[in-house]
N, C-alpha and C. Protein backbone atom coordinates (compact mmCIF):
# COMPACT_ATOMS: atom_id res chain seq x y z
N UNK A 1 -12.82 6.67 -18.99
CA UNK A 1 -12.54 7.79 -18.17
C UNK A 1 -12.44 9.43 -18.29
N UNK A 2 -13.39 9.57 -18.13
CA UNK A 2 -13.62 11.14 -18.63
C UNK A 2 -12.72 12.12 -17.68
N UNK A 3 -12.28 13.29 -18.26
CA UNK A 3 -11.31 14.49 -17.35
C UNK A 3 -11.96 14.71 -16.16
N UNK A 4 -13.04 14.53 -16.10
CA UNK A 4 -13.88 15.08 -14.46
C UNK A 4 -13.91 14.15 -13.61
N UNK A 5 -14.00 12.49 -14.34
CA UNK A 5 -14.06 11.77 -13.34
C UNK A 5 -12.32 11.27 -12.89
N UNK A 6 -11.66 10.99 -13.81
CA UNK A 6 -10.09 11.37 -13.73
C UNK A 6 -9.66 12.31 -12.43
N UNK A 7 -10.29 13.46 -12.77
CA UNK A 7 -9.93 14.77 -11.50
C UNK A 7 -10.04 14.20 -10.42
N UNK A 8 -11.36 13.80 -10.02
CA UNK A 8 -12.10 13.68 -9.00
C UNK A 8 -11.43 12.54 -8.29
N UNK A 9 -11.14 11.08 -9.25
CA UNK A 9 -10.30 9.97 -8.51
C UNK A 9 -9.00 10.53 -7.77
N UNK A 10 -8.41 11.60 -8.85
CA UNK A 10 -6.86 12.16 -8.14
C UNK A 10 -7.41 12.81 -6.99
N UNK A 11 -8.25 13.78 -7.11
CA UNK A 11 -8.82 14.55 -5.68
C UNK A 11 -8.88 13.50 -4.35
N UNK A 12 -9.83 12.34 -5.05
CA UNK A 12 -10.09 11.59 -3.36
C UNK A 12 -8.88 10.91 -3.10
N UNK A 13 -7.86 10.59 -4.19
CA UNK A 13 -6.83 9.84 -3.71
C UNK A 13 -5.97 11.02 -2.86
N UNK A 14 -5.80 11.88 -3.14
CA UNK A 14 -4.94 12.77 -2.61
C UNK A 14 -5.30 13.20 -0.99
N UNK A 15 -6.59 13.23 -1.33
CA UNK A 15 -7.39 13.40 0.33
C UNK A 15 -7.26 12.21 1.32
N UNK A 16 -7.17 10.96 0.58
CA UNK A 16 -7.12 9.52 1.37
C UNK A 16 -5.66 9.77 1.93
N UNK A 17 -4.83 10.30 0.80
CA UNK A 17 -3.22 10.02 1.46
C UNK A 17 -2.93 10.98 2.37
N UNK A 18 -3.75 12.35 2.42
CA UNK A 18 -3.15 13.16 3.08
C UNK A 18 -3.98 12.60 4.93
N UNK A 19 -4.94 11.80 4.77
CA UNK A 19 -5.68 11.99 6.15
C UNK A 19 -4.46 10.34 6.39
N UNK A 20 -4.37 9.67 5.40
CA UNK A 20 -2.88 8.65 5.80
C UNK A 20 -1.81 9.01 6.58
N UNK A 21 -1.59 10.07 5.60
CA UNK A 21 -0.34 10.74 6.41
C UNK A 21 -0.44 11.36 8.14
N UNK A 22 -1.82 11.74 8.13
CA UNK A 22 -1.89 12.35 9.35
C UNK A 22 -2.62 11.46 10.39
N UNK A 23 -2.52 10.28 10.13
CA UNK A 23 -2.97 8.97 10.99
C UNK A 23 -1.71 8.01 11.26
N UNK A 24 -0.31 8.56 10.33
CA UNK A 24 1.13 8.00 10.20
C UNK A 24 0.65 6.47 10.28
N UNK A 25 -0.04 6.35 9.15
CA UNK A 25 0.02 4.72 8.55
C UNK A 25 0.96 4.25 7.85
N UNK A 26 1.81 4.99 7.58
CA UNK A 26 2.86 4.80 6.63
C UNK A 26 2.69 4.12 5.01
N UNK A 27 1.75 4.24 4.93
CA UNK A 27 1.08 3.72 2.92
C UNK A 27 1.59 4.79 2.32
N UNK A 28 2.32 4.74 1.13
CA UNK A 28 2.55 5.41 0.02
C UNK A 28 1.19 5.45 -0.63
N UNK A 29 1.37 6.26 -1.72
CA UNK A 29 0.16 6.50 -2.50
C UNK A 29 -0.26 5.28 -3.47
N UNK A 30 0.93 4.84 -4.14
CA UNK A 30 0.66 3.26 -4.52
C UNK A 30 -0.23 2.08 -4.01
N UNK A 31 0.46 2.36 -2.70
CA UNK A 31 -0.14 0.86 -1.67
C UNK A 31 -1.56 1.70 -1.45
N UNK A 32 -1.97 2.73 -1.01
CA UNK A 32 -3.51 3.08 -0.91
C UNK A 32 -4.33 3.13 -1.92
N UNK A 33 -3.64 3.11 -3.05
CA UNK A 33 -4.44 3.50 -4.24
C UNK A 33 -5.02 1.96 -4.51
N UNK A 34 -3.84 1.21 -4.50
CA UNK A 34 -4.28 -0.28 -4.61
C UNK A 34 -5.54 -0.68 -3.44
N UNK A 35 -5.52 -0.43 -2.31
CA UNK A 35 -6.08 -0.82 -1.20
C UNK A 35 -7.41 -0.29 -1.45
N UNK A 36 -7.64 1.05 -2.17
CA UNK A 36 -9.00 1.47 -2.25
C UNK A 36 -9.39 0.82 -3.40
N UNK A 37 -8.93 0.55 -4.55
CA UNK A 37 -9.26 -0.16 -5.63
C UNK A 37 -9.61 -1.56 -5.28
N UNK A 38 -9.26 -2.13 -4.32
CA UNK A 38 -9.41 -3.32 -3.70
C UNK A 38 -10.81 -3.16 -2.77
N UNK A 39 -10.92 -2.46 -2.25
CA UNK A 39 -12.38 -1.87 -1.87
C UNK A 39 -13.53 -1.92 -2.65
N UNK A 40 -13.03 -0.85 -3.35
CA UNK A 40 -14.30 -0.84 -4.71
C UNK A 40 -14.58 -2.06 -5.24
N UNK A 41 -13.88 -3.03 -5.28
CA UNK A 41 -13.93 -4.34 -5.80
C UNK A 41 -14.73 -5.30 -4.85
N UNK A 42 -15.03 -4.93 -3.99
CA UNK A 42 -16.04 -5.15 -2.80
C UNK A 42 -15.04 -6.16 -1.57
N UNK A 43 -13.82 -5.99 -1.80
CA UNK A 43 -13.00 -6.87 -0.48
C UNK A 43 -13.55 -5.80 0.48
N UNK A 44 -13.29 -6.72 2.01
CA UNK A 44 -13.69 -6.23 3.20
C UNK A 44 -12.49 -5.52 3.67
N UNK A 45 -12.87 -4.19 3.77
CA UNK A 45 -11.77 -3.08 4.43
C UNK A 45 -11.00 -3.72 5.60
N UNK A 46 -11.57 -4.34 6.39
CA UNK A 46 -11.33 -4.73 7.75
C UNK A 46 -10.02 -5.91 7.35
N UNK A 47 -10.35 -6.55 6.29
CA UNK A 47 -9.66 -7.75 6.23
C UNK A 47 -8.26 -7.71 5.38
N UNK A 48 -8.26 -6.58 4.49
CA UNK A 48 -7.19 -5.84 3.97
C UNK A 48 -6.04 -5.20 5.35
N UNK A 49 -7.00 -4.55 6.33
CA UNK A 49 -6.02 -3.71 7.23
C UNK A 49 -5.50 -4.97 7.85
N UNK A 50 -5.62 -5.83 7.92
CA UNK A 50 -5.27 -7.14 8.60
C UNK A 50 -4.47 -7.86 7.99
N UNK A 51 -4.75 -7.86 6.57
CA UNK A 51 -3.23 -8.33 5.79
C UNK A 51 -2.02 -7.23 5.78
N UNK A 52 -2.44 -5.85 5.87
CA UNK A 52 -1.25 -5.31 5.75
C UNK A 52 -0.13 -5.22 7.19
N UNK A 53 -0.92 -5.28 8.17
CA UNK A 53 -0.98 -5.12 9.22
C UNK A 53 0.19 -6.71 9.90
N UNK A 54 0.17 -7.67 8.87
CA UNK A 54 0.28 -9.09 9.37
C UNK A 54 1.66 -8.70 8.23
N UNK A 55 1.76 -8.54 7.15
CA UNK A 55 2.72 -8.03 6.31
C UNK A 55 3.83 -6.68 6.80
N UNK A 56 3.37 -6.06 7.75
CA UNK A 56 4.16 -5.37 8.40
C UNK A 56 4.65 -6.11 9.27
N UNK A 57 4.49 -6.97 10.15
CA UNK A 57 5.15 -8.05 10.81
C UNK A 57 6.15 -8.75 10.59
N UNK A 58 6.29 -9.25 9.64
CA UNK A 58 6.86 -10.19 8.56
C UNK A 58 8.44 -9.60 8.61
N UNK A 59 9.32 -9.89 8.52
CA UNK A 59 10.69 -9.09 8.14
C UNK A 59 10.70 -9.35 6.73
N UNK A 60 11.18 -8.28 5.80
CA UNK A 60 11.33 -7.96 4.54
C UNK A 60 12.35 -9.17 4.22
N UNK A 61 12.08 -10.07 2.90
CA UNK A 61 13.10 -10.77 2.17
C UNK A 61 14.98 -10.10 2.55
N UNK A 62 15.20 -9.32 2.20
CA UNK A 62 16.34 -8.52 2.06
C UNK A 62 16.78 -8.60 3.73
N UNK A 63 15.80 -8.61 4.73
CA UNK A 63 16.43 -8.31 6.00
C UNK A 63 17.08 -9.52 6.68
N UNK A 64 16.31 -10.69 6.09
CA UNK A 64 16.42 -11.67 6.61
C UNK A 64 17.98 -12.43 5.75
N UNK A 65 18.85 -11.87 4.63
CA UNK A 65 19.90 -12.50 4.39
C UNK A 65 21.13 -11.99 5.23
N UNK A 66 21.91 -13.05 5.32
CA UNK A 66 23.07 -12.63 6.03
C UNK A 66 24.00 -12.10 5.64
N UNK A 67 24.33 -10.70 6.35
CA UNK A 67 25.04 -9.98 5.98
C UNK A 67 26.70 -10.20 4.97
N UNK A 68 26.98 -11.79 5.33
CA UNK A 68 27.90 -12.09 4.67
C UNK A 68 27.64 -13.02 3.53
N UNK A 69 26.55 -13.25 3.32
CA UNK A 69 26.34 -14.01 2.06
C UNK A 69 26.86 -13.24 0.47
N UNK A 70 27.00 -14.09 -0.18
CA UNK A 70 27.73 -13.41 -1.39
C UNK A 70 26.45 -13.75 -2.38
N UNK A 71 26.44 -12.59 -3.28
CA UNK A 71 25.37 -12.82 -4.40
C UNK A 71 25.63 -14.23 -5.73
N UNK A 72 24.94 -15.05 -5.77
CA UNK A 72 25.40 -16.20 -6.79
C UNK A 72 25.65 -15.41 -8.24
N UNK A 73 26.89 -16.21 -8.85
CA UNK A 73 26.98 -15.48 -10.44
C UNK A 73 26.92 -16.94 -10.84
N UNK A 74 26.41 -17.09 -12.29
CA UNK A 74 26.49 -18.03 -13.43
C UNK A 74 27.95 -17.98 -14.20
């Protein structure tokens, strides 16, 4: 990728990130970059949005560990 194309890609990602913040999506730059790359590869944006929404509904693995659980040591 030449420097002009790289600059255009960075500028486009920055613009998308600013829009994402205005819309309060909660997406970080890396996640947004991955989603854009997947769209560029032909994945359906609406399907990706549905996956992101579903993943946000699921509790994170760290939140399902009981507070009194002790880490396993060998």
